[in-house]
N, C-alpha and C. Protein backbone atom coordinates (compact mmCIF):
# COMPACT_ATOMS: atom_id res chain seq x y z
N MET A 1 98.92 145.65 75.72
CA MET A 1 99.76 147.07 75.15
C MET A 1 98.89 148.20 75.50
N SER A 2 99.54 149.23 75.27
CA SER A 2 98.97 150.46 75.43
C SER A 2 99.46 151.16 74.07
N GLU A 3 98.87 152.80 74.00
CA GLU A 3 99.08 153.41 72.91
C GLU A 3 100.39 153.96 72.85
N ARG A 4 100.46 154.50 74.88
CA ARG A 4 101.84 154.51 74.29
C ARG A 4 103.00 154.23 73.88
N GLU A 5 102.85 152.70 74.32
CA GLU A 5 103.93 151.79 73.79
C GLU A 5 104.46 151.80 72.17
N LEU A 6 103.26 152.05 71.20
CA LEU A 6 103.24 151.98 69.97
C LEU A 6 103.62 153.22 69.55
N ALA A 7 102.65 153.92 70.37
CA ALA A 7 103.57 155.84 69.96
C ALA A 7 105.15 156.09 69.91
N ALA A 8 105.49 155.21 70.89
CA ALA A 8 107.44 155.73 71.59
C ALA A 8 107.90 154.51 70.49
N ALA A 9 107.24 154.09 69.58
CA ALA A 9 108.03 152.50 68.46
C ALA A 9 108.33 153.22 67.24
N ASP A 10 109.31 153.00 67.14
CA ASP A 10 110.23 153.03 65.48
C ASP A 10 109.24 151.65 64.78
N PRO A 11 108.92 151.78 63.29
CA PRO A 11 108.18 150.57 63.17
C PRO A 11 108.91 149.14 63.40
N LEU A 12 110.22 148.66 63.24
CA LEU A 12 110.80 147.73 63.52
C LEU A 12 110.30 147.17 64.82
N THR A 13 110.59 148.15 66.01
CA THR A 13 110.24 148.10 67.62
C THR A 13 108.68 147.20 67.43
N ALA A 14 107.68 147.90 66.10
CA ALA A 14 106.15 147.59 66.90
C ALA A 14 105.86 146.50 66.32
N ALA A 15 106.66 146.01 65.12
CA ALA A 15 105.98 145.07 64.37
C ALA A 15 106.93 143.73 65.19
N ARG A 16 107.90 144.19 66.30
CA ARG A 16 108.15 142.95 67.19
C ARG A 16 106.97 142.76 68.16
N LEU A 17 106.12 144.02 68.67
CA LEU A 17 105.41 144.15 69.50
C LEU A 17 104.15 143.36 69.04
N VAL A 18 103.81 143.66 67.83
CA VAL A 18 102.40 143.05 67.22
C VAL A 18 102.71 141.27 66.90
N LEU A 19 104.14 141.04 66.50
CA LEU A 19 103.87 139.70 66.09
C LEU A 19 103.62 138.81 67.11
N GLY A 20 102.99 137.90 67.42
CA GLY A 20 102.10 137.43 68.30
C GLY A 20 100.78 137.18 68.72
N ALA A 21 100.66 138.94 68.74
CA ALA A 21 99.31 139.66 69.40
C ALA A 21 98.28 138.34 68.77
N ARG A 22 97.16 138.95 69.61
CA ARG A 22 95.86 138.19 69.08
C ARG A 22 94.91 139.11 69.12
N LEU A 23 94.01 138.97 67.49
CA LEU A 23 93.27 140.02 66.89
C LEU A 23 91.55 139.40 66.97
N THR A 24 90.82 139.62 67.62
CA THR A 24 89.79 139.23 67.24
C THR A 24 88.93 140.32 67.05
N ALA A 25 87.92 139.69 66.00
CA ALA A 25 86.94 140.08 65.20
C ALA A 25 85.84 139.29 64.86
N GLY A 26 84.36 140.08 65.24
CA GLY A 26 83.28 139.15 64.66
C GLY A 26 83.09 137.92 64.95
N GLY A 27 83.52 137.54 65.95
CA GLY A 27 83.73 135.69 66.41
C GLY A 27 85.05 134.96 66.05
N VAL A 28 85.60 135.90 65.95
CA VAL A 28 86.68 135.01 65.35
C VAL A 28 88.42 135.61 65.89
N THR A 29 89.04 134.83 66.18
CA THR A 29 90.20 135.46 67.03
C THR A 29 91.36 134.73 66.21
N VAL A 30 92.43 135.55 65.86
CA VAL A 30 93.40 134.54 65.51
C VAL A 30 94.70 135.29 66.31
N ARG A 31 96.07 134.59 65.79
CA ARG A 31 97.14 134.51 66.24
C ARG A 31 97.98 135.26 65.56
N ILE A 32 98.91 136.38 65.46
CA ILE A 32 99.34 137.08 64.17
C ILE A 32 100.51 136.64 64.90
N VAL A 33 101.21 135.46 62.96
CA VAL A 33 102.39 134.84 63.33
C VAL A 33 103.34 135.69 61.72
N GLU A 34 103.00 136.62 61.27
CA GLU A 34 103.56 137.33 60.13
C GLU A 34 103.59 138.72 59.60
N VAL A 35 104.99 139.39 59.87
CA VAL A 35 104.09 140.70 60.00
C VAL A 35 105.29 141.49 59.20
N GLU A 36 105.26 142.39 58.65
CA GLU A 36 105.82 143.63 57.78
C GLU A 36 106.20 144.92 58.68
N ALA A 37 107.40 145.41 58.49
CA ALA A 37 107.04 147.11 59.25
C ALA A 37 106.62 147.77 58.03
N TYR A 38 106.67 149.50 58.09
CA TYR A 38 106.79 150.10 56.92
C TYR A 38 106.85 151.47 57.72
N GLY A 39 107.64 152.53 56.64
CA GLY A 39 108.17 153.29 57.49
C GLY A 39 107.47 155.01 57.37
N SER A 40 108.16 155.77 57.18
CA SER A 40 107.04 157.09 56.94
C SER A 40 107.47 157.72 55.39
N ASP A 41 107.28 158.91 56.05
CA ASP A 41 107.80 159.67 54.31
C ASP A 41 108.71 160.43 54.33
N GLU A 42 108.80 160.97 53.05
CA GLU A 42 110.79 161.00 52.76
C GLU A 42 111.11 162.54 54.31
N ALA A 43 110.24 162.80 54.45
CA ALA A 43 110.60 163.96 55.41
C ALA A 43 110.87 163.21 56.93
N GLY A 44 110.18 162.25 57.29
CA GLY A 44 110.24 161.73 58.38
C GLY A 44 110.88 160.95 59.10
N PRO A 45 111.13 160.42 60.30
CA PRO A 45 112.70 159.60 60.99
C PRO A 45 112.89 158.11 60.20
N TRP A 46 111.98 157.55 59.04
CA TRP A 46 112.21 155.98 59.22
C TRP A 46 111.57 156.39 56.97
N PRO A 47 112.47 156.81 56.67
CA PRO A 47 111.77 157.25 55.08
C PRO A 47 112.45 155.97 54.60
N ASP A 48 110.37 155.36 53.97
CA ASP A 48 110.14 153.80 53.33
C ASP A 48 109.67 154.08 51.60
N PRO A 49 110.73 153.83 51.11
CA PRO A 49 110.12 153.98 49.57
C PRO A 49 108.86 153.18 49.46
N ALA A 50 109.31 152.21 50.15
CA ALA A 50 107.88 150.77 49.57
C ALA A 50 106.32 151.27 50.43
N ALA A 51 106.32 152.41 51.33
CA ALA A 51 105.35 152.28 52.37
C ALA A 51 104.47 153.31 51.52
N HIS A 52 103.38 152.91 52.07
CA HIS A 52 102.23 154.40 51.20
C HIS A 52 102.23 155.68 51.97
N SER A 53 102.84 155.81 52.92
CA SER A 53 102.94 157.12 53.54
C SER A 53 104.66 158.09 52.90
N TYR A 54 105.40 157.02 52.06
CA TYR A 54 106.24 158.03 51.71
C TYR A 54 106.20 159.06 50.41
N PRO A 55 104.94 159.29 49.93
CA PRO A 55 104.56 160.56 49.57
C PRO A 55 104.20 161.77 50.10
N GLY A 56 103.62 161.29 51.63
CA GLY A 56 102.85 162.26 52.39
C GLY A 56 101.75 162.03 52.96
N PRO A 57 101.19 163.17 53.42
CA PRO A 57 99.64 162.78 54.11
C PRO A 57 98.79 163.03 52.57
N THR A 58 98.08 161.65 52.44
CA THR A 58 96.90 161.72 51.35
C THR A 58 95.43 161.20 52.07
N GLN A 59 94.25 160.80 51.33
CA GLN A 59 93.28 160.27 52.18
C GLN A 59 93.74 159.36 52.28
N ARG A 60 94.20 158.61 51.64
CA ARG A 60 93.80 157.17 51.37
C ARG A 60 94.96 156.66 52.97
N ASN A 61 96.13 157.35 53.10
CA ASN A 61 97.20 157.00 53.73
C ASN A 61 96.82 157.36 55.25
N ALA A 62 96.25 158.91 55.54
CA ALA A 62 95.58 159.21 56.51
C ALA A 62 96.09 158.64 58.06
N VAL A 63 95.47 157.04 57.93
CA VAL A 63 95.16 156.50 59.45
C VAL A 63 97.07 155.98 59.70
N MET A 64 97.82 155.83 58.78
CA MET A 64 99.20 156.01 59.03
C MET A 64 99.70 157.45 60.18
N PHE A 65 99.33 158.14 59.73
CA PHE A 65 99.77 159.57 60.31
C PHE A 65 99.36 159.98 61.68
N GLY A 66 98.04 158.93 61.52
CA GLY A 66 97.45 159.21 63.10
C GLY A 66 97.86 158.69 64.31
N PRO A 67 96.96 158.89 65.37
CA PRO A 67 97.32 157.91 66.49
C PRO A 67 97.42 156.61 66.71
N ALA A 68 98.44 156.14 67.31
CA ALA A 68 99.00 154.69 67.63
C ALA A 68 97.75 153.57 67.62
N GLY A 69 97.72 152.50 67.40
CA GLY A 69 97.26 151.27 67.38
C GLY A 69 95.50 151.46 66.74
N ARG A 70 95.76 152.46 65.60
CA ARG A 70 94.31 152.39 64.50
C ARG A 70 94.63 151.03 63.76
N LEU A 71 93.38 150.64 63.32
CA LEU A 71 93.44 149.38 62.06
C LEU A 71 93.48 150.82 60.30
N TYR A 72 94.39 150.13 59.92
CA TYR A 72 94.55 150.85 58.21
C TYR A 72 94.57 149.76 57.79
N VAL A 73 92.96 150.11 56.67
CA VAL A 73 92.86 149.04 55.51
C VAL A 73 93.19 149.62 54.42
N TYR A 74 93.60 149.11 53.56
CA TYR A 74 93.56 149.01 52.19
C TYR A 74 92.94 148.44 50.90
N LEU A 75 92.94 148.26 50.09
CA LEU A 75 92.56 147.55 49.09
C LEU A 75 93.25 147.40 48.41
N SER A 76 94.26 146.01 48.03
CA SER A 76 95.35 145.35 47.16
C SER A 76 94.90 144.94 46.27
N HIS A 77 94.90 145.54 44.65
CA HIS A 77 95.03 145.36 43.26
C HIS A 77 93.71 145.09 43.41
N GLY A 78 92.95 145.84 44.06
CA GLY A 78 91.32 146.17 43.35
C GLY A 78 90.55 145.24 44.15
N LEU A 79 90.95 144.11 44.80
CA LEU A 79 90.76 143.10 44.99
C LEU A 79 90.99 142.02 46.57
N HIS A 80 91.91 142.81 47.32
CA HIS A 80 92.14 141.76 48.43
C HIS A 80 91.94 143.27 49.68
N LEU A 81 92.04 143.11 50.36
CA LEU A 81 91.39 144.05 51.85
C LEU A 81 92.55 143.49 52.85
N CYS A 82 93.55 144.41 53.34
CA CYS A 82 94.62 144.30 53.66
C CYS A 82 95.02 145.38 55.18
N MET A 83 95.03 144.85 56.40
CA MET A 83 95.19 145.05 57.54
C MET A 83 96.92 145.68 57.98
N ASN A 84 96.50 146.54 58.50
CA ASN A 84 97.91 147.00 59.19
C ASN A 84 97.52 147.84 60.63
N VAL A 85 98.56 147.81 61.55
CA VAL A 85 98.62 148.63 62.64
C VAL A 85 99.46 149.92 62.84
N SER A 86 98.64 151.23 62.75
CA SER A 86 99.41 152.50 62.96
C SER A 86 100.34 152.12 64.30
N CYS A 87 100.80 153.34 64.47
CA CYS A 87 102.34 153.13 65.08
C CYS A 87 103.09 154.60 65.06
N ALA A 88 103.97 154.93 66.02
CA ALA A 88 105.03 156.08 66.15
C ALA A 88 104.11 157.09 66.74
N GLY A 89 103.14 157.04 66.14
CA GLY A 89 101.86 158.58 67.09
C GLY A 89 101.54 159.40 66.15
N VAL A 90 100.96 160.58 66.24
CA VAL A 90 100.36 161.46 65.55
C VAL A 90 101.39 162.05 64.67
N GLY A 91 101.09 162.69 63.40
CA GLY A 91 101.94 163.32 62.93
C GLY A 91 103.22 162.64 62.39
N THR A 92 103.35 161.89 62.49
CA THR A 92 104.79 160.36 62.18
C THR A 92 104.14 159.50 61.90
N ALA A 93 104.30 158.99 60.31
CA ALA A 93 103.94 157.91 59.82
C ALA A 93 104.81 156.73 59.84
N ALA A 94 103.85 155.44 60.79
CA ALA A 94 104.24 154.20 60.53
C ALA A 94 103.42 152.85 60.61
N ALA A 95 103.68 151.57 60.12
CA ALA A 95 102.38 150.84 59.98
C ALA A 95 103.16 149.75 60.16
N VAL A 96 102.31 148.73 60.68
CA VAL A 96 102.81 147.02 60.94
C VAL A 96 102.04 146.59 60.13
N LEU A 97 101.94 146.03 58.63
CA LEU A 97 101.43 145.07 57.85
C LEU A 97 101.00 143.86 58.74
N LEU A 98 99.98 143.19 58.71
CA LEU A 98 99.40 141.78 58.94
C LEU A 98 99.81 140.97 58.11
N ARG A 99 100.66 140.04 57.60
CA ARG A 99 100.44 139.04 56.70
C ARG A 99 99.77 137.53 56.47
N ALA A 100 99.86 137.45 58.13
CA ALA A 100 99.33 135.71 58.51
C ALA A 100 98.95 135.36 59.74
N ALA A 101 98.10 134.94 59.84
CA ALA A 101 97.84 134.52 61.45
C ALA A 101 97.21 132.72 61.68
N GLU A 102 97.42 132.14 62.61
CA GLU A 102 96.38 131.13 62.68
C GLU A 102 95.68 131.07 63.55
N VAL A 103 93.98 130.58 63.39
CA VAL A 103 92.88 130.46 64.00
C VAL A 103 92.95 130.22 65.34
N VAL A 104 92.62 130.98 66.14
CA VAL A 104 92.59 130.05 67.34
C VAL A 104 90.93 130.08 67.60
N GLU A 105 89.78 130.84 67.55
CA GLU A 105 88.96 131.00 67.65
C GLU A 105 87.64 131.01 66.44
N GLY A 106 86.69 130.12 66.31
CA GLY A 106 85.85 130.98 65.35
C GLY A 106 86.01 130.35 64.04
N GLU A 107 86.86 129.15 64.19
CA GLU A 107 87.17 128.50 62.90
C GLU A 107 86.11 128.28 61.43
N ASP A 108 85.22 128.02 62.45
CA ASP A 108 83.56 127.26 61.70
C ASP A 108 83.35 128.76 60.64
N ILE A 109 83.59 129.79 61.30
CA ILE A 109 82.81 130.93 60.67
C ILE A 109 84.15 131.61 59.65
N VAL A 110 84.87 131.25 59.74
CA VAL A 110 86.40 131.56 58.89
C VAL A 110 85.86 130.71 57.66
N ARG A 111 85.39 129.09 57.55
CA ARG A 111 85.66 128.46 56.89
C ARG A 111 84.22 128.88 55.65
N ARG A 112 83.38 129.42 56.81
CA ARG A 112 82.21 130.26 55.83
C ARG A 112 82.77 131.15 54.88
N ARG A 113 83.61 131.81 55.25
CA ARG A 113 83.93 132.74 54.39
C ARG A 113 85.64 132.42 53.62
N ARG A 114 85.96 131.32 54.26
CA ARG A 114 87.29 131.19 53.43
C ARG A 114 87.17 129.90 51.94
N GLY A 115 86.38 128.81 52.78
CA GLY A 115 86.16 127.92 51.87
C GLY A 115 86.18 126.77 52.64
N GLN A 116 85.45 125.78 52.95
CA GLN A 116 85.62 124.23 53.65
C GLN A 116 86.66 123.68 53.52
N ASP A 117 86.59 123.43 52.27
CA ASP A 117 88.26 122.70 51.89
C ASP A 117 89.90 123.10 52.01
N LYS A 118 89.84 124.19 52.12
CA LYS A 118 90.77 125.35 52.90
C LYS A 118 92.07 124.19 53.76
N ARG A 119 93.20 124.06 53.55
CA ARG A 119 94.01 123.46 54.71
C ARG A 119 94.06 123.93 55.74
N PHE A 120 94.30 123.83 57.00
CA PHE A 120 94.04 124.99 58.65
C PHE A 120 95.45 126.34 57.91
N ARG A 121 96.24 125.80 57.50
CA ARG A 121 97.06 126.35 57.89
C ARG A 121 97.13 127.94 56.33
N ASP A 122 96.11 127.27 55.95
CA ASP A 122 95.79 128.68 54.78
C ASP A 122 94.88 129.41 54.99
N LEU A 123 94.31 129.13 56.33
CA LEU A 123 92.63 129.64 56.15
C LEU A 123 93.16 131.32 56.46
N ALA A 124 94.19 131.70 57.21
CA ALA A 124 94.88 133.34 56.98
C ALA A 124 95.34 133.23 57.03
N ARG A 125 96.54 132.24 55.52
CA ARG A 125 98.14 133.14 55.19
C ARG A 125 97.72 133.75 54.16
N GLY A 126 98.45 134.73 54.44
CA GLY A 126 98.66 135.86 52.83
C GLY A 126 97.86 136.97 53.72
N PRO A 127 98.30 138.17 53.70
CA PRO A 127 97.60 139.36 54.32
C PRO A 127 95.85 139.17 53.87
N GLY A 128 95.55 139.22 51.80
CA GLY A 128 94.35 139.42 51.77
C GLY A 128 93.18 138.33 52.50
N ASN A 129 94.09 136.93 52.26
CA ASN A 129 93.28 136.00 53.48
C ASN A 129 93.03 136.26 54.79
N LEU A 130 94.12 137.19 55.32
CA LEU A 130 93.87 136.82 56.85
C LEU A 130 92.56 138.40 56.93
N GLY A 131 92.73 139.13 55.70
CA GLY A 131 91.54 140.41 55.67
C GLY A 131 90.52 139.62 55.71
N GLN A 132 90.13 138.18 55.05
CA GLN A 132 88.58 137.87 54.50
C GLN A 132 88.50 136.89 55.60
N ALA A 133 88.97 136.25 56.09
CA ALA A 133 89.05 135.41 57.42
C ALA A 133 88.47 136.23 58.76
N LEU A 134 88.91 137.48 58.74
CA LEU A 134 88.02 138.28 60.07
C LEU A 134 86.63 139.30 59.54
N GLY A 135 86.08 138.98 58.63
CA GLY A 135 85.59 139.75 57.61
C GLY A 135 85.58 141.27 57.44
N ILE A 136 86.64 141.16 57.44
CA ILE A 136 87.57 143.32 57.30
C ILE A 136 86.50 144.00 56.19
N THR A 137 86.21 145.35 56.58
CA THR A 137 85.96 146.21 55.12
C THR A 137 86.53 147.17 55.18
N LEU A 138 86.41 147.80 54.47
CA LEU A 138 86.66 149.28 54.25
C LEU A 138 86.52 150.30 55.50
N ALA A 139 85.14 150.11 55.85
CA ALA A 139 84.62 150.48 56.76
C ALA A 139 85.46 150.24 58.25
N ASP A 140 86.16 149.92 58.38
CA ASP A 140 86.60 149.46 59.60
C ASP A 140 88.03 150.30 59.72
N ASN A 141 88.36 150.71 58.60
CA ASN A 141 89.56 151.64 58.57
C ASN A 141 89.77 152.31 59.22
N GLY A 142 90.32 152.76 60.82
CA GLY A 142 90.43 153.87 61.56
C GLY A 142 89.85 153.35 62.78
N THR A 143 89.55 152.05 62.65
CA THR A 143 89.49 151.54 64.28
C THR A 143 90.38 151.22 65.22
N ASP A 144 89.93 151.95 66.22
CA ASP A 144 90.82 152.06 67.52
C ASP A 144 90.57 150.25 67.96
N LEU A 145 92.15 149.79 67.74
CA LEU A 145 92.57 148.42 68.28
C LEU A 145 92.65 148.47 69.80
N LEU A 146 92.82 149.03 70.91
CA LEU A 146 93.26 149.51 71.87
C LEU A 146 92.28 149.46 72.74
N ALA A 147 91.06 150.13 72.19
CA ALA A 147 90.11 150.72 73.35
C ALA A 147 89.27 149.21 73.81
N ALA A 148 88.67 149.50 75.06
CA ALA A 148 88.44 148.51 75.81
C ALA A 148 86.47 148.42 74.78
N GLY A 149 86.32 146.96 74.41
CA GLY A 149 84.88 147.21 73.80
C GLY A 149 84.74 147.83 72.29
N SER A 150 86.20 147.43 71.90
CA SER A 150 86.27 147.70 69.96
C SER A 150 85.09 146.71 69.49
N ALA A 151 85.04 146.78 68.61
CA ALA A 151 84.18 146.02 67.44
C ALA A 151 85.72 144.94 66.90
N ILE A 152 86.97 145.60 66.95
CA ILE A 152 88.05 144.97 66.58
C ILE A 152 89.09 144.89 67.54
N ARG A 153 90.18 144.11 68.32
CA ARG A 153 90.70 144.29 69.49
C ARG A 153 92.02 143.39 69.20
N LEU A 154 93.27 144.34 69.26
CA LEU A 154 94.22 143.60 69.47
C LEU A 154 95.00 143.71 70.87
N ARG A 155 95.38 142.02 71.22
CA ARG A 155 96.29 141.97 72.61
C ARG A 155 97.04 141.25 72.27
N LEU A 156 98.37 142.25 72.95
CA LEU A 156 99.51 142.05 72.77
C LEU A 156 99.94 140.52 73.56
N ASP A 157 100.77 139.57 73.15
CA ASP A 157 101.32 138.32 73.37
C ASP A 157 102.98 138.25 72.55
N PRO A 158 103.53 139.09 72.55
CA PRO A 158 104.92 138.64 71.76
C PRO A 158 105.89 137.47 72.24
N LEU A 159 106.35 137.00 71.15
CA LEU A 159 107.01 135.88 70.95
C LEU A 159 108.60 136.18 71.28
N LEU A 160 108.95 134.97 71.78
CA LEU A 160 110.25 134.54 72.70
C LEU A 160 111.26 134.64 71.60
N GLU A 161 111.15 134.20 70.26
CA GLU A 161 111.81 134.31 69.49
C GLU A 161 111.25 134.08 68.00
N HIS A 162 111.76 134.85 67.05
CA HIS A 162 111.15 134.84 65.56
C HIS A 162 112.17 135.33 64.99
N ALA A 163 111.97 134.82 63.35
CA ALA A 163 112.91 135.06 62.36
C ALA A 163 113.02 136.73 61.75
N GLU A 164 113.48 136.95 60.70
CA GLU A 164 113.66 138.20 60.51
C GLU A 164 114.57 138.11 58.82
N GLY A 165 113.55 138.96 57.88
CA GLY A 165 114.26 139.08 56.68
C GLY A 165 113.75 140.40 55.76
N PRO A 166 113.98 139.74 54.40
CA PRO A 166 113.07 140.97 53.29
C PRO A 166 111.76 140.87 53.52
N ARG A 167 111.17 142.20 53.13
CA ARG A 167 109.72 142.35 52.69
C ARG A 167 109.38 141.51 51.60
N VAL A 168 107.88 140.52 51.79
CA VAL A 168 107.87 140.27 50.19
C VAL A 168 107.34 141.61 49.25
N GLY A 169 107.18 141.22 48.13
CA GLY A 169 106.81 141.77 47.14
C GLY A 169 107.17 143.06 46.52
N VAL A 170 108.08 143.87 47.37
CA VAL A 170 108.01 145.44 46.95
C VAL A 170 109.46 145.45 46.18
N SER A 171 108.98 146.29 45.54
CA SER A 171 110.41 146.80 44.85
C SER A 171 111.32 148.16 45.29
N ARG A 172 111.13 148.57 45.92
CA ARG A 172 111.74 149.48 46.57
C ARG A 172 112.27 149.04 47.93
N ALA A 173 113.29 149.32 48.20
CA ALA A 173 114.02 149.48 49.59
C ALA A 173 113.76 148.03 50.25
N ALA A 174 114.25 146.90 48.90
CA ALA A 174 113.39 145.30 48.81
C ALA A 174 114.67 144.67 49.89
N GLU A 175 115.62 145.14 49.82
CA GLU A 175 116.79 144.17 51.29
C GLU A 175 116.49 144.47 52.46
N ARG A 176 115.79 145.56 52.86
CA ARG A 176 114.94 145.46 54.10
C ARG A 176 114.68 144.96 54.82
N PRO A 177 115.39 144.50 55.77
CA PRO A 177 114.75 143.35 56.52
C PRO A 177 113.59 143.45 57.84
N TRP A 178 112.75 143.90 57.29
CA TRP A 178 111.32 144.36 58.03
C TRP A 178 110.63 143.23 57.99
N ARG A 179 110.76 142.49 57.33
CA ARG A 179 109.55 141.48 57.57
C ARG A 179 109.73 140.40 59.13
N LEU A 180 108.88 140.15 59.63
CA LEU A 180 109.22 139.11 61.05
C LEU A 180 108.24 138.22 61.03
N TRP A 181 108.17 137.10 61.50
CA TRP A 181 108.14 135.58 60.88
C TRP A 181 107.83 134.75 62.32
N ASP A 182 107.02 133.82 62.57
CA ASP A 182 107.41 132.67 63.91
C ASP A 182 107.58 131.67 63.06
N PRO A 183 108.60 131.58 63.20
CA PRO A 183 109.44 129.88 62.72
C PRO A 183 108.79 128.56 62.60
N ALA A 184 108.37 128.87 64.03
CA ALA A 184 107.50 127.30 64.21
C ALA A 184 106.17 127.17 63.33
N SER A 185 105.57 127.99 63.12
CA SER A 185 104.56 128.85 62.20
C SER A 185 104.12 127.86 60.72
N SER A 186 103.66 126.84 60.34
CA SER A 186 103.19 126.37 58.94
C SER A 186 102.47 127.48 58.27
N ALA A 187 101.83 128.43 59.10
CA ALA A 187 100.78 129.46 58.06
C ALA A 187 101.51 130.37 57.91
N VAL A 188 102.92 130.78 58.04
CA VAL A 188 103.32 131.70 57.45
C VAL A 188 103.74 131.65 56.27
N SER A 189 103.60 132.70 55.50
CA SER A 189 103.41 132.67 54.06
C SER A 189 104.58 132.64 53.03
N ALA A 190 104.92 132.59 52.05
CA ALA A 190 106.25 131.86 51.52
C ALA A 190 106.62 133.15 50.46
N TYR A 191 107.96 133.21 51.05
CA TYR A 191 108.63 134.62 50.56
C TYR A 191 108.83 134.17 48.83
N ARG A 192 108.34 135.84 48.63
CA ARG A 192 108.76 136.19 47.26
C ARG A 192 109.07 137.47 46.81
N ARG A 193 110.16 137.60 46.16
CA ARG A 193 110.88 138.90 46.11
C ARG A 193 110.07 139.36 44.41
N SER A 194 110.15 140.47 44.53
CA SER A 194 109.75 141.33 43.64
C SER A 194 110.45 141.30 42.48
N PRO A 195 110.07 140.88 41.03
CA PRO A 195 110.75 140.74 39.73
C PRO A 195 111.55 141.81 39.50
N ARG A 196 111.11 143.19 39.92
CA ARG A 196 111.30 144.46 39.76
C ARG A 196 112.04 145.11 41.03
N ALA A 197 112.60 144.05 41.48
CA ALA A 197 113.36 144.57 43.01
C ALA A 197 114.72 144.93 42.34
N PRO A 198 116.11 145.83 42.03
CA PRO A 198 116.82 145.41 41.88
C PRO A 198 117.89 144.44 42.75
N VAL A 199 118.93 143.81 41.90
CA VAL A 199 119.50 143.19 42.91
C VAL A 199 120.89 143.60 43.57
N VAL A 200 120.86 143.85 44.59
CA VAL A 200 122.21 143.85 45.63
C VAL A 200 123.25 143.06 46.20
N PRO A 201 124.60 143.31 45.85
CA PRO A 201 125.32 142.00 45.92
C PRO A 201 125.86 141.89 47.51
N GLY A 202 125.76 140.93 48.02
CA GLY A 202 125.62 140.28 49.13
C GLY A 202 124.47 141.09 50.21
N ALA A 203 123.66 141.17 49.55
CA ALA A 203 122.06 141.42 50.43
C ALA A 203 121.17 139.89 51.03
N ARG A 204 120.74 140.28 52.32
CA ARG A 204 120.19 139.10 52.78
C ARG A 204 118.78 138.86 52.14
N GLU A 205 118.93 137.43 52.54
CA GLU A 205 117.59 136.86 51.64
C GLU A 205 116.75 136.03 52.65
N SER A 206 115.60 135.51 52.12
CA SER A 206 114.51 135.37 53.30
C SER A 206 114.50 133.75 53.03
N LYS A 207 114.35 132.88 53.67
CA LYS A 207 114.29 131.63 53.41
C LYS A 207 112.49 131.05 53.82
N ALA A 208 112.09 131.97 54.44
CA ALA A 208 110.56 131.82 54.57
C ALA A 208 109.76 131.96 53.76
């Protein structure tokens, strides 16, 4: 995968590129099995009220408006560090949230971080658990994931088949089918609709 590919990609296309990728950090490698696409600010090409970028550039979301292929890390609910891959190129915000993964290498390291009693499928299941499994910190925000020798490296390996459905837990643009996952993986997290999301008659639901 090149920065040029991600820079030319809309959020959903970028999500399809990232799903199935290998992500390596600190002796641990995981295979990404669930992602969510997030779009631009209101003035951008893919206005997305659920995206951090929607209000426009801020200190927090600056990576989303920067070069493609960078790691956007944010703290969720004051507890969990979540990872995203920026796309769309400089000046246009978009990113792919990494929701779940299977551990490929470094299971012993992950278990020291996540607990020895965890089931294998739960080691990196959910965005906060995935960040913990890889030992991600806020200091990693902005890391170039595509650069040779990067401390955190993303290698593309797209899936031939995947499922798509609504994103988890968002109260705005809740019906948008921008969540993608590997239907063959048990590490995919459970779908939970936000109780604050309005019900839209005939809208598509997710089964995963």
